[in-house]
Amino acid sequence: MRLTDQQRAIIRATATEAFGSGTNVWPFGSRADDSKREGDIDLLIETDQVDVDAIARAEISFLTRIQMKLGEQKIDVLLDYPSRKTHSPIFLSPSKRAFCYE
């Protein structure tokens, strides 16, 4: 995985700050593949929050905080939550569990 231990710790802590303690974070895309170079940071964040407005506020808070902590870089976030009606294939991938920042 092409994220340092410090970056992983910052991502995990920031996700917990923004979304609460029931949060899991999985990297995917090029940063989850050691054979790839460069690329943005793609994160799947799973929260137990159900209020869509609260989730939107938490996402904005997360993105603001993570930019301040990691510096300016391209970070893409996908959110999964109990009240979500549709799911992208990445949500259903069992391999995502291999990279969980729990």
N, C-alpha and C. Protein backbone atom coordinates (compact mmCIF):
# COMPACT_ATOMS: atom_id res chain seq x y z
N MET A 1 0.85 -1.17 0.00
CA MET A 1 0.00 0.00 0.00
C MET A 1 0.89 1.23 0.00
N ARG A 2 0.59 2.18 -0.86
CA ARG A 2 1.45 3.34 -1.02
C ARG A 2 1.02 4.53 -0.17
N LEU A 3 0.71 4.25 1.06
CA LEU A 3 0.47 5.29 2.05
C LEU A 3 1.35 4.97 3.24
N THR A 4 1.96 5.98 3.82
CA THR A 4 2.82 5.74 4.98
C THR A 4 1.98 5.42 6.20
N ASP A 5 2.62 4.88 7.22
CA ASP A 5 1.92 4.60 8.47
C ASP A 5 1.34 5.90 9.04
N GLN A 6 2.09 6.99 8.92
CA GLN A 6 1.61 8.27 9.43
C GLN A 6 0.38 8.74 8.65
N GLN A 7 0.40 8.61 7.33
CA GLN A 7 -0.76 9.00 6.52
C GLN A 7 -1.98 8.16 6.88
N ARG A 8 -1.78 6.85 7.05
CA ARG A 8 -2.90 5.98 7.42
C ARG A 8 -3.48 6.38 8.77
N ALA A 9 -2.61 6.68 9.73
CA ALA A 9 -3.08 7.09 11.06
C ALA A 9 -3.85 8.41 10.99
N ILE A 10 -3.37 9.34 10.19
CA ILE A 10 -4.05 10.63 10.03
C ILE A 10 -5.42 10.44 9.38
N ILE A 11 -5.48 9.62 8.34
CA ILE A 11 -6.74 9.36 7.65
C ILE A 11 -7.74 8.73 8.62
N ARG A 12 -7.31 7.73 9.35
CA ARG A 12 -8.20 7.03 10.29
C ARG A 12 -8.71 7.98 11.37
N ALA A 13 -7.80 8.74 11.98
CA ALA A 13 -8.18 9.66 13.05
C ALA A 13 -9.13 10.75 12.53
N THR A 14 -8.85 11.26 11.36
CA THR A 14 -9.67 12.33 10.80
C THR A 14 -11.06 11.81 10.43
N ALA A 15 -11.14 10.60 9.92
CA ALA A 15 -12.45 10.01 9.61
C ALA A 15 -13.26 9.81 10.89
N THR A 16 -12.62 9.37 11.95
CA THR A 16 -13.31 9.20 13.22
C THR A 16 -13.77 10.54 13.79
N GLU A 17 -12.93 11.57 13.68
CA GLU A 17 -13.31 12.91 14.13
C GLU A 17 -14.55 13.40 13.39
N ALA A 18 -14.58 13.19 12.09
CA ALA A 18 -15.66 13.73 11.27
C ALA A 18 -16.94 12.88 11.32
N PHE A 19 -16.80 11.56 11.26
CA PHE A 19 -17.97 10.68 11.13
C PHE A 19 -18.34 9.95 12.42
N GLY A 20 -17.47 9.94 13.40
CA GLY A 20 -17.75 9.25 14.66
C GLY A 20 -17.04 7.92 14.76
N SER A 21 -17.18 7.30 15.92
CA SER A 21 -16.42 6.08 16.21
C SER A 21 -16.87 4.86 15.42
N GLY A 22 -18.05 4.87 14.85
CA GLY A 22 -18.53 3.73 14.06
C GLY A 22 -18.11 3.80 12.61
N THR A 23 -16.89 4.28 12.35
CA THR A 23 -16.42 4.54 10.99
C THR A 23 -15.32 3.58 10.60
N ASN A 24 -15.39 3.07 9.37
CA ASN A 24 -14.31 2.27 8.78
C ASN A 24 -13.86 2.98 7.51
N VAL A 25 -12.57 2.85 7.20
CA VAL A 25 -12.00 3.50 6.02
C VAL A 25 -11.19 2.48 5.23
N TRP A 26 -11.44 2.43 3.91
CA TRP A 26 -10.68 1.55 3.03
C TRP A 26 -10.13 2.35 1.86
N PRO A 27 -8.82 2.27 1.60
CA PRO A 27 -8.30 2.86 0.38
C PRO A 27 -8.60 1.93 -0.79
N PHE A 28 -8.73 2.49 -1.96
CA PHE A 28 -8.89 1.68 -3.16
C PHE A 28 -8.23 2.43 -4.30
N GLY A 29 -8.19 1.84 -5.45
CA GLY A 29 -7.54 2.49 -6.59
C GLY A 29 -6.03 2.35 -6.52
N SER A 30 -5.33 3.30 -7.12
CA SER A 30 -3.89 3.17 -7.28
C SER A 30 -3.12 3.16 -5.96
N ARG A 31 -3.60 3.86 -4.94
CA ARG A 31 -2.88 3.89 -3.66
C ARG A 31 -2.97 2.57 -2.90
N ALA A 32 -3.90 1.73 -3.27
CA ALA A 32 -4.02 0.42 -2.64
C ALA A 32 -3.23 -0.64 -3.40
N ASP A 33 -2.56 -0.25 -4.47
CA ASP A 33 -1.82 -1.17 -5.33
C ASP A 33 -0.36 -0.73 -5.38
N ASP A 34 0.51 -1.54 -4.77
CA ASP A 34 1.94 -1.19 -4.70
C ASP A 34 2.62 -1.12 -6.06
N SER A 35 2.04 -1.74 -7.08
CA SER A 35 2.67 -1.73 -8.39
C SER A 35 2.37 -0.45 -9.18
N LYS A 36 1.45 0.34 -8.70
CA LYS A 36 1.08 1.59 -9.38
C LYS A 36 1.93 2.75 -8.88
N ARG A 37 1.97 3.82 -9.67
CA ARG A 37 2.71 5.02 -9.28
C ARG A 37 1.78 6.21 -9.29
N GLU A 38 2.17 7.19 -8.46
CA GLU A 38 1.41 8.45 -8.40
C GLU A 38 -0.04 8.19 -8.05
N GLY A 39 -0.91 9.04 -8.50
CA GLY A 39 -2.34 8.87 -8.30
C GLY A 39 -2.87 9.60 -7.09
N ASP A 40 -4.16 9.79 -7.12
CA ASP A 40 -4.83 10.45 -6.01
C ASP A 40 -5.09 9.43 -4.90
N ILE A 41 -5.64 9.90 -3.81
CA ILE A 41 -6.02 9.02 -2.71
C ILE A 41 -7.52 8.79 -2.81
N ASP A 42 -7.91 7.53 -3.03
CA ASP A 42 -9.30 7.15 -3.13
C ASP A 42 -9.67 6.42 -1.84
N LEU A 43 -10.71 6.90 -1.16
CA LEU A 43 -11.11 6.32 0.11
C LEU A 43 -12.59 5.95 0.09
N LEU A 44 -12.90 4.78 0.58
CA LEU A 44 -14.26 4.37 0.85
C LEU A 44 -14.45 4.50 2.35
N ILE A 45 -15.38 5.35 2.76
CA ILE A 45 -15.67 5.55 4.18
C ILE A 45 -17.04 4.97 4.46
N GLU A 46 -17.09 4.08 5.44
CA GLU A 46 -18.33 3.46 5.87
C GLU A 46 -18.68 4.01 7.25
N THR A 47 -19.84 4.62 7.35
CA THR A 47 -20.28 5.21 8.61
C THR A 47 -21.60 4.59 9.04
N ASP A 48 -21.85 4.62 10.34
CA ASP A 48 -23.13 4.13 10.82
C ASP A 48 -24.16 5.24 10.94
N GLN A 49 -23.79 6.46 10.53
CA GLN A 49 -24.74 7.57 10.53
C GLN A 49 -25.83 7.31 9.48
N VAL A 50 -27.04 7.78 9.75
CA VAL A 50 -28.14 7.58 8.80
C VAL A 50 -28.71 8.89 8.27
N ASP A 51 -28.51 9.98 8.98
CA ASP A 51 -29.04 11.28 8.55
C ASP A 51 -28.18 11.83 7.41
N VAL A 52 -28.78 11.99 6.25
CA VAL A 52 -28.04 12.40 5.06
C VAL A 52 -27.42 13.79 5.23
N ASP A 53 -28.12 14.70 5.89
CA ASP A 53 -27.56 16.04 6.12
C ASP A 53 -26.33 15.97 7.01
N ALA A 54 -26.39 15.16 8.06
CA ALA A 54 -25.24 14.99 8.95
C ALA A 54 -24.07 14.35 8.22
N ILE A 55 -24.37 13.40 7.35
CA ILE A 55 -23.32 12.73 6.56
C ILE A 55 -22.66 13.73 5.63
N ALA A 56 -23.44 14.58 4.98
CA ALA A 56 -22.88 15.60 4.07
C ALA A 56 -21.98 16.57 4.85
N ARG A 57 -22.42 17.00 6.02
CA ARG A 57 -21.59 17.89 6.85
C ARG A 57 -20.31 17.20 7.28
N ALA A 58 -20.41 15.92 7.64
CA ALA A 58 -19.23 15.16 8.06
C ALA A 58 -18.25 15.00 6.90
N GLU A 59 -18.76 14.79 5.70
CA GLU A 59 -17.88 14.65 4.53
C GLU A 59 -17.12 15.96 4.28
N ILE A 60 -17.80 17.08 4.35
CA ILE A 60 -17.14 18.37 4.15
C ILE A 60 -16.10 18.59 5.24
N SER A 61 -16.45 18.26 6.47
CA SER A 61 -15.51 18.39 7.58
C SER A 61 -14.29 17.51 7.36
N PHE A 62 -14.52 16.26 6.96
CA PHE A 62 -13.41 15.33 6.71
C PHE A 62 -12.49 15.87 5.63
N LEU A 63 -13.05 16.28 4.50
CA LEU A 63 -12.22 16.75 3.39
C LEU A 63 -11.43 18.00 3.75
N THR A 64 -12.03 18.89 4.51
CA THR A 64 -11.32 20.10 4.95
C THR A 64 -10.18 19.75 5.88
N ARG A 65 -10.47 18.91 6.87
CA ARG A 65 -9.45 18.53 7.87
C ARG A 65 -8.31 17.73 7.24
N ILE A 66 -8.67 16.80 6.36
CA ILE A 66 -7.63 15.94 5.78
C ILE A 66 -6.69 16.74 4.88
N GLN A 67 -7.23 17.74 4.17
CA GLN A 67 -6.37 18.60 3.35
C GLN A 67 -5.42 19.40 4.22
N MET A 68 -5.91 19.87 5.36
CA MET A 68 -5.06 20.64 6.26
C MET A 68 -3.97 19.76 6.87
N LYS A 69 -4.27 18.50 7.13
CA LYS A 69 -3.31 17.60 7.77
C LYS A 69 -2.32 16.97 6.80
N LEU A 70 -2.80 16.59 5.61
CA LEU A 70 -1.93 15.90 4.64
C LEU A 70 -1.35 16.86 3.59
N GLY A 71 -1.87 18.07 3.54
CA GLY A 71 -1.44 18.99 2.51
C GLY A 71 -2.34 18.86 1.29
N GLU A 72 -2.20 19.81 0.41
CA GLU A 72 -3.08 19.84 -0.75
C GLU A 72 -2.76 18.70 -1.70
N GLN A 73 -3.72 17.82 -1.88
CA GLN A 73 -3.62 16.73 -2.84
C GLN A 73 -5.01 16.26 -3.21
N LYS A 74 -5.10 15.51 -4.28
CA LYS A 74 -6.40 15.03 -4.77
C LYS A 74 -6.84 13.86 -3.90
N ILE A 75 -7.98 14.03 -3.23
CA ILE A 75 -8.55 12.98 -2.40
C ILE A 75 -10.01 12.79 -2.80
N ASP A 76 -10.34 11.58 -3.22
CA ASP A 76 -11.71 11.24 -3.59
C ASP A 76 -12.31 10.37 -2.49
N VAL A 77 -13.57 10.64 -2.14
CA VAL A 77 -14.24 9.91 -1.08
C VAL A 77 -15.55 9.33 -1.60
N LEU A 78 -15.74 8.05 -1.35
CA LEU A 78 -17.03 7.40 -1.54
C LEU A 78 -17.58 7.09 -0.15
N LEU A 79 -18.86 7.30 0.04
CA LEU A 79 -19.47 7.07 1.35
C LEU A 79 -20.47 5.93 1.28
N ASP A 80 -20.43 5.07 2.29
CA ASP A 80 -21.43 4.03 2.45
C ASP A 80 -22.05 4.21 3.83
N TYR A 81 -23.37 4.08 3.89
CA TYR A 81 -24.09 4.28 5.14
C TYR A 81 -25.39 3.47 5.09
N PRO A 82 -25.96 3.15 6.25
CA PRO A 82 -27.11 2.23 6.29
C PRO A 82 -28.32 2.66 5.46
N SER A 83 -28.58 3.95 5.35
CA SER A 83 -29.78 4.39 4.62
C SER A 83 -29.53 4.63 3.13
N ARG A 84 -28.33 4.30 2.65
CA ARG A 84 -28.02 4.47 1.23
C ARG A 84 -28.87 3.51 0.40
N LYS A 85 -29.45 4.00 -0.68
CA LYS A 85 -30.36 3.18 -1.49
C LYS A 85 -29.65 2.43 -2.62
N THR A 86 -28.57 2.97 -3.15
CA THR A 86 -27.84 2.31 -4.23
C THR A 86 -26.39 2.12 -3.81
N HIS A 87 -25.77 1.10 -4.37
CA HIS A 87 -24.38 0.80 -4.03
C HIS A 87 -23.57 0.53 -5.29
N SER A 88 -22.44 1.18 -5.39
CA SER A 88 -21.48 0.93 -6.45
C SER A 88 -20.83 -0.43 -6.20
N PRO A 89 -20.30 -1.08 -7.23
CA PRO A 89 -19.63 -2.38 -7.03
C PRO A 89 -18.51 -2.35 -6.00
N ILE A 90 -17.83 -1.21 -5.83
CA ILE A 90 -16.74 -1.13 -4.85
C ILE A 90 -17.26 -1.39 -3.44
N PHE A 91 -18.52 -1.04 -3.17
CA PHE A 91 -19.09 -1.27 -1.84
C PHE A 91 -19.25 -2.75 -1.54
N LEU A 92 -19.43 -3.53 -2.58
CA LEU A 92 -19.73 -4.94 -2.41
C LEU A 92 -18.49 -5.82 -2.47
N SER A 93 -17.34 -5.26 -2.76
CA SER A 93 -16.12 -6.03 -2.95
C SER A 93 -15.57 -6.56 -1.62
N PRO A 94 -15.48 -7.88 -1.46
CA PRO A 94 -14.93 -8.42 -0.21
C PRO A 94 -13.46 -8.08 -0.02
N SER A 95 -12.75 -7.79 -1.11
CA SER A 95 -11.31 -7.47 -1.00
C SER A 95 -11.08 -6.15 -0.28
N LYS A 96 -12.09 -5.28 -0.20
CA LYS A 96 -11.89 -3.99 0.46
C LYS A 96 -11.53 -4.20 1.94
N ARG A 97 -11.98 -5.26 2.53
CA ARG A 97 -11.71 -5.53 3.94
C ARG A 97 -10.22 -5.73 4.21
N ALA A 98 -9.47 -6.11 3.20
CA ALA A 98 -8.04 -6.35 3.39
C ALA A 98 -7.28 -5.06 3.71
N PHE A 99 -7.84 -3.93 3.39
CA PHE A 99 -7.13 -2.68 3.56
C PHE A 99 -7.76 -1.77 4.63
N CYS A 100 -8.63 -2.33 5.44
CA CYS A 100 -9.38 -1.51 6.41
C CYS A 100 -8.44 -0.84 7.41
N TYR A 101 -8.70 0.42 7.69
CA TYR A 101 -7.94 1.17 8.69
C TYR A 101 -8.64 1.14 10.03
N GLU A 102 -8.96 -0.01 10.53
CA GLU A 102 -9.66 -0.08 11.81
C GLU A 102 -8.67 0.04 12.94
